N, C-alpha and C. Protein backbone atom coordinates (compact mmCIF):
# COMPACT_ATOMS: atom_id res chain seq x y z
N UNK A 1 36.58 46.60 34.98
CA UNK A 1 36.02 47.57 35.82
C UNK A 1 36.02 48.58 35.44
N UNK A 2 35.59 49.76 35.52
CA UNK A 2 35.44 50.96 34.92
C UNK A 2 36.24 51.64 36.05
N UNK A 3 37.18 53.16 36.26
CA UNK A 3 37.78 53.45 37.44
C UNK A 3 36.44 54.11 37.71
N UNK A 4 36.65 54.24 39.44
CA UNK A 4 35.95 54.93 40.18
C UNK A 4 35.85 56.63 39.72
N UNK A 5 35.00 57.11 39.74
CA UNK A 5 34.35 58.32 39.48
C UNK A 5 33.79 59.29 40.57
N UNK A 6 33.95 60.01 41.70
CA UNK A 6 33.31 60.63 42.56
C UNK A 6 32.07 60.77 42.17
N UNK A 7 32.32 61.70 40.71
CA UNK A 7 30.82 62.47 40.33
C UNK A 7 29.76 61.69 40.09
N UNK A 8 30.02 60.38 39.86
CA UNK A 8 28.98 59.37 39.56
C UNK A 8 27.89 59.44 40.79
N UNK A 9 28.45 59.93 41.94
CA UNK A 9 27.59 59.95 43.20
C UNK A 9 27.33 60.90 43.77
N UNK A 10 27.18 61.93 42.70
CA UNK A 10 26.41 63.16 43.28
C UNK A 10 25.32 63.51 42.82
N UNK A 11 24.05 64.02 43.29
CA UNK A 11 22.94 64.29 42.43
C UNK A 11 22.53 65.55 42.90
N UNK A 12 22.64 66.43 41.99
CA UNK A 12 22.03 67.78 42.52
C UNK A 12 20.92 68.42 42.15
N UNK A 13 20.13 68.99 42.80
CA UNK A 13 18.91 69.67 42.93
C UNK A 13 18.65 70.52 43.60
N UNK A 14 17.54 71.69 42.79
CA UNK A 14 17.52 72.74 43.20
C UNK A 14 18.64 73.75 43.93
N UNK A 15 19.24 73.65 44.92
CA UNK A 15 20.01 74.24 45.66
C UNK A 15 20.85 73.16 46.58
N UNK A 16 20.56 72.04 46.60
CA UNK A 16 20.98 70.98 47.27
C UNK A 16 21.75 70.00 45.96
N UNK A 17 22.42 69.19 46.86
CA UNK A 17 23.43 68.55 46.49
C UNK A 17 23.99 67.57 47.31
N UNK A 18 23.37 65.71 46.72
CA UNK A 18 23.56 64.65 47.88
C UNK A 18 24.67 63.88 47.30
N UNK A 19 25.66 63.32 48.00
CA UNK A 19 26.81 62.66 47.33
C UNK A 19 26.87 61.57 48.73
N UNK A 20 26.69 60.20 47.85
CA UNK A 20 27.03 59.27 48.32
C UNK A 20 28.19 58.43 48.59
N UNK A 21 29.22 57.91 49.80
CA UNK A 21 30.23 57.71 49.74
C UNK A 21 30.46 56.30 50.48
N UNK A 22 31.52 55.52 50.69
CA UNK A 22 31.90 54.65 51.31
C UNK A 22 32.72 54.99 52.25
N UNK A 23 32.73 54.64 53.78
CA UNK A 23 33.78 54.82 54.81
C UNK A 23 34.01 53.17 55.38
N UNK A 24 35.43 52.55 55.10
CA UNK A 24 35.61 51.14 55.29
C UNK A 24 36.90 51.32 55.44
N UNK A 25 37.03 51.54 57.05
CA UNK A 25 38.20 51.59 57.78
C UNK A 25 38.70 50.60 59.08
N UNK A 26 37.84 49.56 59.04
CA UNK A 26 37.30 48.90 59.86
C UNK A 26 37.27 49.28 61.74
N UNK A 27 36.31 50.22 61.52
CA UNK A 27 35.75 50.78 62.40
C UNK A 27 34.08 50.85 62.76
N UNK A 28 33.81 50.80 63.74
CA UNK A 28 32.52 50.70 64.21
C UNK A 28 31.20 51.63 63.07
N UNK A 29 31.98 52.61 62.96
CA UNK A 29 31.04 53.45 61.74
C UNK A 29 31.24 53.61 60.35
N UNK A 30 32.08 52.28 59.82
CA UNK A 30 31.98 51.72 58.77
C UNK A 30 30.29 51.81 57.56
N UNK A 31 30.43 52.23 56.52
CA UNK A 31 29.45 51.89 56.31
C UNK A 31 29.07 52.77 55.25
N UNK A 32 28.06 52.73 54.45
CA UNK A 32 27.28 53.82 53.46
C UNK A 32 26.65 55.25 53.61
N UNK A 33 27.24 55.73 53.13
CA UNK A 33 27.03 57.38 53.70
C UNK A 33 26.56 58.64 52.63
N UNK A 34 25.80 59.34 53.47
CA UNK A 34 25.28 60.02 52.16
C UNK A 34 25.57 61.21 53.05
N UNK A 35 25.41 62.32 52.01
CA UNK A 35 26.20 63.52 52.86
C UNK A 35 25.10 64.58 51.86
N UNK A 36 24.53 65.85 52.81
CA UNK A 36 23.61 66.33 52.11
C UNK A 36 24.36 67.72 52.07
N UNK A 37 24.71 68.80 50.97
CA UNK A 37 24.83 70.35 51.00
C UNK A 37 23.93 70.97 50.50
N UNK A 38 24.16 72.02 50.73
CA UNK A 38 22.93 73.80 50.21
C UNK A 38 23.78 74.38 49.85
N UNK A 39 23.49 74.68 48.89
CA UNK A 39 24.36 75.96 48.06
C UNK A 39 24.05 77.37 48.53
N UNK A 40 25.22 78.08 49.56
CA UNK A 40 24.69 79.39 49.41
C UNK A 40 25.44 80.35 48.98
N UNK A 41 24.68 81.72 48.62
CA UNK A 41 25.14 82.49 47.78
C UNK A 41 24.92 84.04 48.35
N UNK A 42 26.51 84.39 48.77
CA UNK A 42 26.55 85.79 49.65
C UNK A 42 27.16 86.78 48.90
N UNK A 43 26.69 87.61 48.38
CA UNK A 43 27.18 88.88 47.69
C UNK A 43 28.24 88.40 46.26
N UNK A 44 27.47 87.81 45.72
CA UNK A 44 28.16 87.22 44.08
C UNK A 44 29.12 85.63 44.27
N UNK A 45 29.58 85.26 45.93
CA UNK A 45 30.09 84.12 46.01
C UNK A 45 29.01 82.88 46.55
N UNK A 46 29.65 82.13 46.19
CA UNK A 46 28.98 80.83 45.73
C UNK A 46 29.45 79.58 46.99
N UNK A 47 28.87 79.13 47.76
CA UNK A 47 29.74 78.20 48.71
C UNK A 47 28.59 76.96 48.81
N UNK A 48 29.48 75.66 49.28
CA UNK A 48 28.65 74.52 49.72
C UNK A 48 28.93 74.25 51.15
N UNK A 49 27.61 73.92 52.16
CA UNK A 49 27.76 74.21 53.28
C UNK A 49 27.11 72.51 53.44
N UNK A 50 27.60 71.96 54.15
CA UNK A 50 27.13 70.91 55.13
C UNK A 50 26.12 70.63 55.48
N UNK A 51 24.89 69.89 55.52
CA UNK A 51 23.42 70.11 55.63
C UNK A 51 23.61 68.75 56.75
N UNK A 52 23.87 68.10 56.24
CA UNK A 52 23.92 66.44 57.18
C UNK A 52 24.85 65.91 56.79
N UNK A 53 25.57 64.83 57.68
CA UNK A 53 26.58 63.71 56.86
C UNK A 53 25.85 62.11 57.25
N UNK A 54 24.82 61.43 56.82
CA UNK A 54 24.12 60.53 57.74
C UNK A 54 24.41 59.09 57.02
N UNK A 55 24.67 58.00 57.92
CA UNK A 55 24.89 56.85 57.52
C UNK A 55 23.59 55.94 56.80
N UNK A 56 23.48 55.60 55.87
CA UNK A 56 22.18 54.87 55.13
C UNK A 56 22.76 53.39 55.85
N UNK A 57 23.94 52.65 55.61
CA UNK A 57 23.59 51.49 56.44
C UNK A 57 25.17 50.71 56.83
N UNK A 58 25.47 50.46 57.48
CA UNK A 58 26.70 49.79 58.64
C UNK A 58 26.96 48.41 57.23
N UNK A 59 25.96 47.85 56.41
CA UNK A 59 26.05 46.96 55.34
C UNK A 59 26.55 47.20 54.09
N UNK A 60 28.02 46.60 54.11
CA UNK A 60 28.84 47.05 52.99
C UNK A 60 28.79 45.69 52.27
N UNK A 61 28.13 45.45 51.12
CA UNK A 61 27.96 44.30 50.15
C UNK A 61 29.10 43.92 49.74
N UNK A 62 29.38 42.11 49.89
CA UNK A 62 30.29 41.74 49.42
C UNK A 62 30.55 41.50 47.99
N UNK A 63 31.78 42.44 47.65
CA UNK A 63 31.62 42.49 45.86
C UNK A 63 32.82 41.77 45.79
N UNK A 64 33.07 42.02 44.28
CA UNK A 64 34.01 40.94 43.55
C UNK A 64 36.05 41.67 43.74
N UNK A 65 35.45 42.98 43.85
CA UNK A 65 36.54 43.91 44.32
C UNK A 65 37.04 43.60 45.57
N UNK A 66 38.26 43.81 45.75
CA UNK A 66 38.72 43.81 47.41
C UNK A 66 38.96 44.99 47.43
N UNK A 67 38.90 45.45 48.71
CA UNK A 67 38.90 46.61 49.39
C UNK A 67 39.74 47.47 49.00
N UNK A 68 41.02 47.20 48.91
CA UNK A 68 41.96 48.19 48.64
C UNK A 68 42.41 48.69 47.01
N UNK A 69 41.27 48.14 46.16
CA UNK A 69 41.38 48.10 44.94
C UNK A 69 40.57 49.72 44.88
N UNK A 70 40.99 50.64 43.99
CA UNK A 70 40.33 52.18 43.80
C UNK A 70 39.21 51.81 43.40
N UNK A 71 38.61 50.87 42.69
CA UNK A 71 37.37 50.50 42.32
C UNK A 71 36.11 49.79 43.34
N UNK A 72 37.04 49.46 44.89
CA UNK A 72 36.50 48.91 45.69
C UNK A 72 34.82 50.01 46.00
N UNK A 73 34.71 51.36 46.16
CA UNK A 73 33.73 52.16 46.69
C UNK A 73 33.06 52.01 45.52
N UNK A 74 33.27 51.91 44.22
CA UNK A 74 32.35 52.00 43.06
C UNK A 74 31.57 50.99 43.12
N UNK A 75 32.02 49.47 43.37
CA UNK A 75 31.51 48.56 43.26
C UNK A 75 30.68 48.66 44.22
N UNK A 76 31.09 48.78 45.68
CA UNK A 76 29.85 48.51 46.84
C UNK A 76 28.65 49.73 46.40
N UNK A 77 29.05 50.70 46.26
CA UNK A 77 27.80 52.02 45.97
C UNK A 77 26.98 51.30 45.03
N UNK A 78 27.71 50.52 43.63
CA UNK A 78 26.77 50.58 42.50
C UNK A 78 25.46 49.63 43.24
N UNK A 79 26.56 48.39 43.77
CA UNK A 79 25.38 47.47 44.56
C UNK A 79 24.65 48.12 45.28
N UNK A 80 24.92 48.46 46.14
CA UNK A 80 23.75 49.14 46.88
C UNK A 80 22.55 50.22 46.05
N UNK A 81 22.94 50.51 45.73
CA UNK A 81 21.82 51.41 44.09
C UNK A 81 21.13 50.65 43.20
N UNK A 82 21.91 49.59 43.22
CA UNK A 82 20.91 48.31 42.55
C UNK A 82 20.18 47.87 43.49
N UNK A 83 20.25 47.63 44.56
CA UNK A 83 19.35 46.72 45.18
C UNK A 83 18.39 47.90 46.00
N UNK A 84 18.75 49.19 46.39
CA UNK A 84 17.88 50.61 46.63
C UNK A 84 17.59 51.38 45.57
N UNK A 85 16.92 51.49 44.50
CA UNK A 85 17.17 52.31 43.23
C UNK A 85 16.06 53.40 43.65
N UNK A 86 15.41 53.62 44.54
CA UNK A 86 14.46 54.62 44.98
C UNK A 86 15.49 55.36 46.00
N UNK A 87 16.80 55.94 46.37
CA UNK A 87 17.84 56.00 47.04
C UNK A 87 17.47 57.77 47.03
N UNK A 88 17.68 58.22 45.86
CA UNK A 88 17.34 59.65 45.72
C UNK A 88 16.43 60.01 46.50
N UNK A 89 15.22 59.90 45.80
CA UNK A 89 13.60 60.07 45.89
C UNK A 89 13.56 59.55 47.61
N UNK A 90 14.26 58.76 48.28
CA UNK A 90 14.25 58.42 49.58
C UNK A 90 14.88 59.76 50.68
N UNK A 91 15.75 59.89 49.62
CA UNK A 91 16.86 61.14 50.36
C UNK A 91 16.02 62.25 50.66
N UNK A 92 15.70 62.40 49.38
CA UNK A 92 14.69 63.88 48.98
C UNK A 92 13.65 64.05 49.95
N UNK A 93 13.32 63.12 50.26
CA UNK A 93 12.21 62.68 51.65
C UNK A 93 12.33 63.28 52.77
N UNK A 94 13.68 62.43 53.25
CA UNK A 94 14.60 62.78 54.26
C UNK A 94 15.10 64.10 54.86
N UNK A 95 15.52 65.06 53.32
CA UNK A 95 16.13 65.87 53.81
C UNK A 95 14.78 66.82 53.91
N UNK A 96 13.71 66.75 53.25
CA UNK A 96 12.01 67.23 53.72
C UNK A 96 12.11 67.40 54.93
N UNK A 97 11.78 65.81 55.55
CA UNK A 97 11.75 65.77 56.65
C UNK A 97 12.86 66.47 57.57
N UNK A 98 13.77 66.34 57.79
CA UNK A 98 15.25 66.92 58.23
C UNK A 98 14.83 68.11 58.54
N UNK A 99 14.49 68.94 57.23
CA UNK A 99 14.59 70.57 57.42
C UNK A 99 13.50 70.88 58.40
N UNK A 100 12.50 70.47 58.04
CA UNK A 100 11.27 70.83 58.89
C UNK A 100 11.49 70.49 60.33
N UNK A 101 12.14 69.48 60.91
CA UNK A 101 12.47 69.44 62.02
C UNK A 101 13.56 70.22 62.75
N UNK A 102 14.32 70.39 61.45
CA UNK A 102 15.75 71.32 62.22
C UNK A 102 15.50 72.77 61.65
N UNK A 103 14.41 73.43 61.63
CA UNK A 103 13.96 74.71 60.74
C UNK A 103 14.61 75.63 61.73
N UNK A 104 15.12 76.84 61.40
CA UNK A 104 15.83 78.08 62.47
C UNK A 104 14.98 78.60 62.67
N UNK A 105 14.46 79.22 64.16
CA UNK A 105 13.22 79.81 64.92
C UNK A 105 14.15 81.45 64.44
N UNK A 106 13.58 82.44 63.55
CA UNK A 106 14.12 83.84 63.90
C UNK A 106 13.94 84.56 65.15
């Protein structure tokens, strides 16, 4: 199996970037997460701020790679993506809804 590369799980669009990752620590909040970031530009400087970080599922695929192997996260995420090929479009729809519900009134 090829080595895990976190950049495989980053999708950038407009001023946003989504990042999928696995939390597997034997806790109640284990699962597959999606973190959404937004690019901020101020006086020529650029920063990325977290919009939200949410659990997509508590279910972790039963993969042939042991959890202590560096390739484990990659295998779990690839399994999830194979089962949910529309995850990027679904997350963009979630972001649009989230932004509409959490808009800041000036």
